[in-house]
Amino acid sequence: MNTPNTTPNNSLPPTKNWRTSLVGTPLGWAVTLVLAVLGLYLFATHTGHMLSALPYLLLMACPLMHVFMHGGHGHHGKRE
């Protein structure tokens, strides 16, 4: 017996972006490990340069969070 499809027409399957396809995969762990080692190397060898750049990095934190954490524009009205 066939049952009617009760899912709404506007529900689409979740789309995969680079973040969701990278989290929890071996490639994601490798990228995280490489970035951590690179950060430790830079801190160990260029501490003075990193500390002098810290005020600028703090000033750039707000615009960078808006760019990378909002997920793009055009999604403001869609609440599920």
Protein backbone atom coordinates (compact mmCIF):
# COMPACT_ATOMS: atom_id res chain seq x y z
CA MET A 1 0.00 0.00 0.00
CA ASN A 2 1.39 3.37 -0.99
CA THR A 3 1.23 6.11 1.59
CA PRO A 4 1.20 9.73 0.48
CA ASN A 5 4.34 11.75 0.94
CA THR A 6 3.71 13.99 3.94
CA THR A 7 6.91 16.01 3.76
CA PRO A 8 6.43 19.67 2.85
CA ASN A 9 7.56 20.75 -0.59
CA ASN A 10 9.87 23.45 0.74
CA SER A 11 12.03 21.08 2.83
CA LEU A 12 15.20 20.41 0.91
CA PRO A 13 17.98 18.06 1.95
CA PRO A 14 20.77 19.83 3.82
CA THR A 15 23.49 21.03 1.53
CA LYS A 16 27.09 20.12 2.26
CA ASN A 17 29.65 22.86 2.28
CA TRP A 18 33.38 22.62 2.86
CA ARG A 19 32.98 22.88 6.63
CA THR A 20 30.52 20.04 7.06
CA SER A 21 32.40 17.77 4.69
CA LEU A 22 35.74 18.44 6.45
CA VAL A 23 34.74 18.05 10.11
CA GLY A 24 35.43 14.61 11.49
CA THR A 25 37.24 13.28 8.45
CA PRO A 26 40.89 12.21 8.35
CA LEU A 27 41.62 15.16 6.06
CA GLY A 28 40.07 17.51 8.59
CA TRP A 29 42.21 16.10 11.39
CA ALA A 30 45.32 16.38 9.21
CA VAL A 31 44.57 20.02 8.34
CA THR A 32 43.98 20.81 12.02
CA LEU A 33 47.23 19.13 13.04
CA VAL A 34 49.24 20.95 10.36
CA LEU A 35 47.76 24.31 11.38
CA ALA A 36 48.51 23.62 15.06
CA VAL A 37 52.13 22.68 14.31
CA LEU A 38 52.53 25.74 12.11
CA GLY A 39 51.11 27.96 14.86
CA LEU A 40 53.50 26.50 17.43
CA TYR A 41 56.45 26.95 15.08
CA LEU A 42 55.55 30.57 14.41
CA PHE A 43 55.09 31.27 18.10
CA ALA A 44 58.40 29.64 19.02
CA THR A 45 60.49 31.33 16.34
CA HIS A 46 58.71 34.65 15.81
CA THR A 47 57.30 35.51 19.22
CA GLY A 48 58.19 39.18 18.95
CA HIS A 49 56.51 39.57 15.59
CA MET A 50 53.39 37.76 16.75
CA LEU A 51 53.09 39.83 19.91
CA SER A 52 53.50 43.06 17.95
CA ALA A 53 50.73 41.95 15.56
CA LEU A 54 48.35 41.04 18.39
CA PRO A 55 46.59 44.45 18.60
CA TYR A 56 45.90 44.35 14.86
CA LEU A 57 44.59 40.79 15.08
CA LEU A 58 42.23 41.83 17.85
CA LEU A 59 40.97 44.72 15.71
CA MET A 60 40.44 42.35 12.79
CA ALA A 61 38.56 39.79 14.91
CA CYS A 62 35.17 41.49 14.52
CA PRO A 63 35.16 41.78 10.70
CA LEU A 64 36.61 38.30 10.34
CA MET A 65 33.89 36.84 12.56
CA HIS A 66 31.26 38.56 10.45
CA VAL A 67 32.74 37.16 7.26
CA PHE A 68 33.38 33.59 8.41
CA MET A 69 30.74 32.96 11.08
CA HIS A 70 27.58 34.39 9.57
CA GLY A 71 27.60 31.98 6.65
CA GLY A 72 26.96 34.58 3.99
CA HIS A 73 24.17 37.06 3.49
CA GLY A 74 20.64 36.36 2.39
CA HIS A 75 19.83 33.88 5.14
CA HIS A 76 18.49 36.35 7.67
CA GLY A 77 14.78 35.67 7.20
CA LYS A 78 14.88 31.88 7.06
CA ARG A 79 14.13 30.44 10.47
CA GLU A 80 13.14 26.80 10.82
